[in-house]
Amino acid sequence: MEIFDFLRKTINRLSGTPVEEIKPESSIRELNLDLFDVEELKLDVENEYDVYLPEETEFDTVEQLLEIVHAA
């Protein structure tokens, strides 16, 4: 599964935002993800892709998270 598709499905599960509304430029705030949702999203990414995202990893958009995962 492509990373972006995984992120979209995970964000949908966490926030209820329809998958088709989740775009690379979508901000985390507009997707209604709170601090706990963001932490769960990071954990899901770590488990799915066997990468480590430090606690201080921050991102404002889906695209920024995608770039972080590609770089990890």
PDB file of N, CA and C in Angstrom:
ATOM      1  N   MET A   1       0.843  -1.180   0.000  1.00  0.00           N
ATOM      2  CA  MET A   1       0.000   0.000   0.000  1.00  0.00           C
ATOM      3  C   MET A   1       0.889   1.243   0.000  1.00  0.00           C
ATOM      4  N   GLU A   2       0.550   2.184  -0.804  1.00  0.00           N
ATOM      5  CA  GLU A   2       1.286   3.435  -0.868  1.00  0.00           C
ATOM      6  C   GLU A   2       1.152   4.168   0.468  1.00  0.00           C
ATOM      7  N   ILE A   3       2.208   4.856   0.871  1.00  0.00           N
ATOM      8  CA  ILE A   3       2.215   5.531   2.171  1.00  0.00           C
ATOM      9  C   ILE A   3       1.084   6.547   2.263  1.00  0.00           C
ATOM     10  N   PHE A   4       0.856   7.325   1.213  1.00  0.00           N
ATOM     11  CA  PHE A   4      -0.213   8.331   1.251  1.00  0.00           C
ATOM     12  C   PHE A   4      -1.568   7.677   1.485  1.00  0.00           C
ATOM     13  N   ASP A   5      -1.816   6.555   0.831  1.00  0.00           N
ATOM     14  CA  ASP A   5      -3.084   5.844   1.039  1.00  0.00           C
ATOM     15  C   ASP A   5      -3.212   5.364   2.482  1.00  0.00           C
ATOM     16  N   PHE A   6      -2.111   4.865   3.031  1.00  0.00           N
ATOM     17  CA  PHE A   6      -2.123   4.436   4.434  1.00  0.00           C
ATOM     18  C   PHE A   6      -2.440   5.612   5.345  1.00  0.00           C
ATOM     19  N   LEU A   7      -1.796   6.754   5.097  1.00  0.00           N
ATOM     20  CA  LEU A   7      -2.048   7.936   5.921  1.00  0.00           C
ATOM     21  C   LEU A   7      -3.505   8.373   5.822  1.00  0.00           C
ATOM     22  N   ARG A   8      -4.037   8.355   4.617  1.00  0.00           N
ATOM     23  CA  ARG A   8      -5.442   8.757   4.430  1.00  0.00           C
ATOM     24  C   ARG A   8      -6.386   7.844   5.205  1.00  0.00           C
ATOM     25  N   LYS A   9      -6.166   6.555   5.115  1.00  0.00           N
ATOM     26  CA  LYS A   9      -7.038   5.603   5.819  1.00  0.00           C
ATOM     27  C   LYS A   9      -6.907   5.736   7.329  1.00  0.00           C
ATOM     28  N   THR A  10      -5.697   5.952   7.795  1.00  0.00           N
ATOM     29  CA  THR A  10      -5.476   6.092   9.231  1.00  0.00           C
ATOM     30  C   THR A  10      -6.092   7.390   9.748  1.00  0.00           C
ATOM     31  N   ILE A  11      -5.908   8.479   9.012  1.00  0.00           N
ATOM     32  CA  ILE A  11      -6.508   9.759   9.411  1.00  0.00           C
ATOM     33  C   ILE A  11      -8.027   9.654   9.398  1.00  0.00           C
ATOM     34  N   ASN A  12      -8.569   8.970   8.414  1.00  0.00           N
ATOM     35  CA  ASN A  12     -10.014   8.749   8.354  1.00  0.00           C
ATOM     36  C   ASN A  12     -10.494   8.019   9.603  1.00  0.00           C
ATOM     37  N   ARG A  13      -9.778   6.994   9.998  1.00  0.00           N
ATOM     38  CA  ARG A  13     -10.156   6.220  11.179  1.00  0.00           C
ATOM     39  C   ARG A  13     -10.086   7.078  12.442  1.00  0.00           C
ATOM     40  N   LEU A  14      -9.071   7.930  12.537  1.00  0.00           N
ATOM     41  CA  LEU A  14      -8.872   8.733  13.739  1.00  0.00           C
ATOM     42  C   LEU A  14      -9.815   9.936  13.816  1.00  0.00           C
ATOM     43  N   SER A  15     -10.107  10.549  12.676  1.00  0.00           N
ATOM     44  CA  SER A  15     -10.859  11.813  12.700  1.00  0.00           C
ATOM     45  C   SER A  15     -12.260  11.724  12.114  1.00  0.00           C
ATOM     46  N   GLY A  16     -12.502  10.690  11.307  1.00  0.00           N
ATOM     47  CA  GLY A  16     -13.794  10.600  10.634  1.00  0.00           C
ATOM     48  C   GLY A  16     -13.873  11.423   9.362  1.00  0.00           C
ATOM     49  N   THR A  17     -12.789  12.096   9.008  1.00  0.00           N
ATOM     50  CA  THR A  17     -12.753  12.878   7.771  1.00  0.00           C
ATOM     51  C   THR A  17     -12.811  11.921   6.587  1.00  0.00           C
ATOM     52  N   PRO A  18     -13.730  12.158   5.640  1.00  0.00           N
ATOM     53  CA  PRO A  18     -13.799  11.277   4.471  1.00  0.00           C
ATOM     54  C   PRO A  18     -12.449  11.199   3.737  1.00  0.00           C
ATOM     55  N   VAL A  19     -12.085  10.004   3.330  1.00  0.00           N
ATOM     56  CA  VAL A  19     -10.791   9.769   2.680  1.00  0.00           C
ATOM     57  C   VAL A  19     -10.585  10.703   1.486  1.00  0.00           C
ATOM     58  N   GLU A  20     -11.633  10.903   0.694  1.00  0.00           N
ATOM     59  CA  GLU A  20     -11.482  11.739  -0.503  1.00  0.00           C
ATOM     60  C   GLU A  20     -11.214  13.204  -0.185  1.00  0.00           C
ATOM     61  N   GLU A  21     -11.448  13.629   1.043  1.00  0.00           N
ATOM     62  CA  GLU A  21     -11.181  15.009   1.446  1.00  0.00           C
ATOM     63  C   GLU A  21      -9.773  15.198   1.998  1.00  0.00           C
ATOM     64  N   ILE A  22      -9.049  14.098   2.192  1.00  0.00           N
ATOM     65  CA  ILE A  22      -7.697  14.165   2.746  1.00  0.00           C
ATOM     66  C   ILE A  22      -6.714  14.282   1.590  1.00  0.00           C
ATOM     67  N   LYS A  23      -6.100  15.442   1.498  1.00  0.00           N
ATOM     68  CA  LYS A  23      -5.167  15.759   0.417  1.00  0.00           C
ATOM     69  C   LYS A  23      -3.777  15.997   1.014  1.00  0.00           C
ATOM     70  N   PRO A  24      -2.729  15.945   0.184  1.00  0.00           N
ATOM     71  CA  PRO A  24      -1.387  16.199   0.714  1.00  0.00           C
ATOM     72  C   PRO A  24      -1.279  17.557   1.417  1.00  0.00           C
ATOM     73  N   GLU A  25      -1.949  18.555   0.894  1.00  0.00           N
ATOM     74  CA  GLU A  25      -1.856  19.897   1.470  1.00  0.00           C
ATOM     75  C   GLU A  25      -2.789  20.107   2.665  1.00  0.00           C
ATOM     76  N   SER A  26      -3.575  19.101   3.015  1.00  0.00           N
ATOM     77  CA  SER A  26      -4.486  19.218   4.157  1.00  0.00           C
ATOM     78  C   SER A  26      -3.703  19.426   5.437  1.00  0.00           C
ATOM     79  N   SER A  27      -4.142  20.409   6.222  1.00  0.00           N
ATOM     80  CA  SER A  27      -3.466  20.648   7.499  1.00  0.00           C
ATOM     81  C   SER A  27      -4.033  19.715   8.556  1.00  0.00           C
ATOM     82  N   ILE A  28      -3.209  19.406   9.509  1.00  0.00           N
ATOM     83  CA  ILE A  28      -3.611  18.524  10.594  1.00  0.00           C
ATOM     84  C   ILE A  28      -4.790  19.135  11.350  1.00  0.00           C
ATOM     85  N   ARG A  29      -4.770  20.437  11.525  1.00  0.00           N
ATOM     86  CA  ARG A  29      -5.864  21.118  12.232  1.00  0.00           C
ATOM     87  C   ARG A  29      -7.185  20.978  11.509  1.00  0.00           C
ATOM     88  N   GLU A  30      -7.184  21.193  10.194  1.00  0.00           N
ATOM     89  CA  GLU A  30      -8.449  21.116   9.456  1.00  0.00           C
ATOM     90  C   GLU A  30      -8.980  19.691   9.376  1.00  0.00           C
ATOM     91  N   LEU A  31      -8.125  18.717   9.664  1.00  0.00           N
ATOM     92  CA  LEU A  31      -8.554  17.317   9.668  1.00  0.00           C
ATOM     93  C   LEU A  31      -9.074  16.892  11.041  1.00  0.00           C
ATOM     94  N   ASN A  32      -9.122  17.840  11.974  1.00  0.00           N
ATOM     95  CA  ASN A  32      -9.657  17.594  13.318  1.00  0.00           C
ATOM     96  C   ASN A  32      -8.891  16.535  14.098  1.00  0.00           C
ATOM     97  N   LEU A  33      -7.572  16.532  13.930  1.00  0.00           N
ATOM     98  CA  LEU A  33      -6.735  15.622  14.704  1.00  0.00           C
ATOM     99  C   LEU A  33      -6.215  16.364  15.931  1.00  0.00           C
ATOM    100  N   ASP A  34      -6.480  15.820  17.105  1.00  0.00           N
ATOM    101  CA  ASP A  34      -5.944  16.440  18.313  1.00  0.00           C
ATOM    102  C   ASP A  34      -4.570  15.840  18.617  1.00  0.00           C
ATOM    103  N   LEU A  35      -3.979  16.279  19.709  1.00  0.00           N
ATOM    104  CA  LEU A  35      -2.630  15.837  20.072  1.00  0.00           C
ATOM    105  C   LEU A  35      -2.543  14.324  20.219  1.00  0.00           C
ATOM    106  N   PHE A  36      -3.553  13.729  20.831  1.00  0.00           N
ATOM    107  CA  PHE A  36      -3.548  12.272  21.016  1.00  0.00           C
ATOM    108  C   PHE A  36      -3.695  11.546  19.679  1.00  0.00           C
ATOM    109  N   ASP A  37      -4.516  12.077  18.781  1.00  0.00           N
ATOM    110  CA  ASP A  37      -4.670  11.485  17.447  1.00  0.00           C
ATOM    111  C   ASP A  37      -3.357  11.527  16.683  1.00  0.00           C
ATOM    112  N   VAL A  38      -2.651  12.653  16.790  1.00  0.00           N
ATOM    113  CA  VAL A  38      -1.363  12.795  16.092  1.00  0.00           C
ATOM    114  C   VAL A  38      -0.364  11.768  16.625  1.00  0.00           C
ATOM    115  N   GLU A  39      -0.341  11.580  17.932  1.00  0.00           N
ATOM    116  CA  GLU A  39       0.573  10.585  18.510  1.00  0.00           C
ATOM    117  C   GLU A  39       0.201   9.178  18.042  1.00  0.00           C
ATOM    118  N   GLU A  40      -1.083   8.878  17.992  1.00  0.00           N
ATOM    119  CA  GLU A  40      -1.511   7.562  17.512  1.00  0.00           C
ATOM    120  C   GLU A  40      -1.165   7.385  16.032  1.00  0.00           C
ATOM    121  N   LEU A  41      -1.319   8.449  15.254  1.00  0.00           N
ATOM    122  CA  LEU A  41      -0.945   8.410  13.835  1.00  0.00           C
ATOM    123  C   LEU A  41       0.537   8.105  13.694  1.00  0.00           C
ATOM    124  N   LYS A  42       1.367   8.773  14.482  1.00  0.00           N
ATOM    125  CA  LYS A  42       2.801   8.524  14.428  1.00  0.00           C
ATOM    126  C   LYS A  42       3.130   7.079  14.802  1.00  0.00           C
ATOM    127  N   LEU A  43       2.487   6.562  15.836  1.00  0.00           N
ATOM    128  CA  LEU A  43       2.716   5.166  16.239  1.00  0.00           C
ATOM    129  C   LEU A  43       2.290   4.188  15.150  1.00  0.00           C
ATOM    130  N   ASP A  44       1.151   4.462  14.518  1.00  0.00           N
ATOM    131  CA  ASP A  44       0.680   3.596  13.430  1.00  0.00           C
ATOM    132  C   ASP A  44       1.678   3.586  12.272  1.00  0.00           C
ATOM    133  N   VAL A  45       2.229   4.756  11.953  1.00  0.00           N
ATOM    134  CA  VAL A  45       3.224   4.860  10.876  1.00  0.00           C
ATOM    135  C   VAL A  45       4.472   4.071  11.258  1.00  0.00           C
ATOM    136  N   GLU A  46       4.922   4.225  12.498  1.00  0.00           N
ATOM    137  CA  GLU A  46       6.116   3.489  12.949  1.00  0.00           C
ATOM    138  C   GLU A  46       5.910   1.987  12.834  1.00  0.00           C
ATOM    139  N   ASN A  47       4.757   1.518  13.255  1.00  0.00           N
ATOM    140  CA  ASN A  47       4.480   0.083  13.211  1.00  0.00           C
ATOM    141  C   ASN A  47       4.325  -0.443  11.788  1.00  0.00           C
ATOM    142  N   GLU A  48       3.663   0.324  10.941  1.00  0.00           N
ATOM    143  CA  GLU A  48       3.412  -0.125   9.567  1.00  0.00           C
ATOM    144  C   GLU A  48       4.676  -0.141   8.722  1.00  0.00           C
ATOM    145  N   TYR A  49       5.537   0.867   8.906  1.00  0.00           N
ATOM    146  CA  TYR A  49       6.701   1.020   8.029  1.00  0.00           C
ATOM    147  C   TYR A  49       8.032   0.768   8.724  1.00  0.00           C
ATOM    148  N   ASP A  50       7.990   0.290   9.978  1.00  0.00           N
ATOM    149  CA  ASP A  50       9.195  -0.041  10.717  1.00  0.00           C
ATOM    150  C   ASP A  50      10.204   1.104  10.694  1.00  0.00           C
ATOM    151  N   VAL A  51       9.715   2.294  11.038  1.00  0.00           N
ATOM    152  CA  VAL A  51      10.551   3.491  11.131  1.00  0.00           C
ATOM    153  C   VAL A  51      10.405   4.052  12.534  1.00  0.00           C
ATOM    154  N   TYR A  52      11.307   4.960  12.898  1.00  0.00           N
ATOM    155  CA  TYR A  52      11.240   5.616  14.191  1.00  0.00           C
ATOM    156  C   TYR A  52      11.006   7.103  13.973  1.00  0.00           C
ATOM    157  N   LEU A  53       9.950   7.626  14.578  1.00  0.00           N
ATOM    158  CA  LEU A  53       9.664   9.050  14.536  1.00  0.00           C
ATOM    159  C   LEU A  53       9.842   9.596  15.952  1.00  0.00           C
ATOM    160  N   PRO A  54      10.889  10.378  16.181  1.00  0.00           N
ATOM    161  CA  PRO A  54      11.132  10.900  17.522  1.00  0.00           C
ATOM    162  C   PRO A  54       9.921  11.669  18.055  1.00  0.00           C
ATOM    163  N   GLU A  55       9.790  11.712  19.383  1.00  0.00           N
ATOM    164  CA  GLU A  55       8.664  12.405  20.008  1.00  0.00           C
ATOM    165  C   GLU A  55       8.516  13.829  19.517  1.00  0.00           C
ATOM    166  N   GLU A  56       9.644  14.484  19.275  1.00  0.00           N
ATOM    167  CA  GLU A  56       9.607  15.890  18.874  1.00  0.00           C
ATOM    168  C   GLU A  56       9.292  16.092  17.388  1.00  0.00           C
ATOM    169  N   THR A  57       9.050  15.011  16.662  1.00  0.00           N
ATOM    170  CA  THR A  57       8.697  15.123  15.251  1.00  0.00           C
ATOM    171  C   THR A  57       7.400  15.903  15.108  1.00  0.00           C
ATOM    172  N   GLU A  58       7.465  16.994  14.359  1.00  0.00           N
ATOM    173  CA  GLU A  58       6.289  17.829  14.148  1.00  0.00           C
ATOM    174  C   GLU A  58       6.015  17.983  12.658  1.00  0.00           C
ATOM    175  N   PHE A  59       4.747  18.122  12.329  1.00  0.00           N
ATOM    176  CA  PHE A  59       4.332  18.339  10.948  1.00  0.00           C
ATOM    177  C   PHE A  59       2.990  19.053  10.984  1.00  0.00           C
ATOM    178  N   ASP A  60       2.768  19.902   9.992  1.00  0.00           N
ATOM    179  CA  ASP A  60       1.528  20.672   9.914  1.00  0.00           C
ATOM    180  C   ASP A  60       0.582  20.148   8.848  1.00  0.00           C
ATOM    181  N   THR A  61       1.132  19.425   7.879  1.00  0.00           N
ATOM    182  CA  THR A  61       0.309  18.922   6.782  1.00  0.00           C
ATOM    183  C   THR A  61       0.572  17.434   6.564  1.00  0.00           C
ATOM    184  N   VAL A  62      -0.321  16.814   5.840  1.00  0.00           N
ATOM    185  CA  VAL A  62      -0.156  15.402   5.492  1.00  0.00           C
ATOM    186  C   VAL A  62       1.117  15.240   4.657  1.00  0.00           C
ATOM    187  N   GLU A  63       1.359  16.166   3.755  1.00  0.00           N
ATOM    188  CA  GLU A  63       2.539  16.093   2.892  1.00  0.00           C
ATOM    189  C   GLU A  63       3.839  16.142   3.703  1.00  0.00           C
ATOM    190  N   GLN A  64       3.872  16.966   4.739  1.00  0.00           N
ATOM    191  CA  GLN A  64       5.066  17.027   5.583  1.00  0.00           C
ATOM    192  C   GLN A  64       5.304  15.691   6.273  1.00  0.00           C
ATOM    193  N   LEU A  65       4.239  15.061   6.758  1.00  0.00           N
ATOM    194  CA  LEU A  65       4.389  13.741   7.375  1.00  0.00           C
ATOM    195  C   LEU A  65       4.865  12.726   6.346  1.00  0.00           C
ATOM    196  N   LEU A  66       4.332  12.790   5.151  1.00  0.00           N
ATOM    197  CA  LEU A  66       4.733  11.891   4.074  1.00  0.00           C
ATOM    198  C   LEU A  66       6.226  12.032   3.798  1.00  0.00           C
ATOM    199  N   GLU A  67       6.736  13.259   3.753  1.00  0.00           N
ATOM    200  CA  GLU A  67       8.149  13.498   3.518  1.00  0.00           C
ATOM    201  C   GLU A  67       9.007  12.956   4.667  1.00  0.00           C
ATOM    202  N   ILE A  68       8.513  13.091   5.895  1.00  0.00           N
ATOM    203  CA  ILE A  68       9.239  12.571   7.054  1.00  0.00           C
ATOM    204  C   ILE A  68       9.347  11.061   6.968  1.00  0.00           C
ATOM    205  N   VAL A  69       8.260  10.396   6.604  1.00  0.00           N
ATOM    206  CA  VAL A  69       8.264   8.931   6.502  1.00  0.00           C
ATOM    207  C   VAL A  69       9.202   8.485   5.393  1.00  0.00           C
ATOM    208  N   HIS A  70       9.204   9.179   4.260  1.00  0.00           N
ATOM    209  CA  HIS A  70      10.098   8.820   3.155  1.00  0.00           C
ATOM    210  C   HIS A  70      11.560   8.975   3.574  1.00  0.00           C
ATOM    211  N   ALA A  71      11.860   9.967   4.408  1.00  0.00           N
ATOM    212  CA  ALA A  71      13.231  10.228   4.821  1.00  0.00           C
ATOM    213  C   ALA A  71      13.703   9.280   5.930  1.00  0.00           C
ATOM    214  N   ALA A  72      12.754   8.659   6.622  1.00  0.00           N
ATOM    215  CA  ALA A  72      13.118   7.803   7.778  1.00  0.00           C
ATOM    216  C   ALA A  72      13.698   6.476   7.320  1.00  0.00           C
TER     217      ALA A  72
END
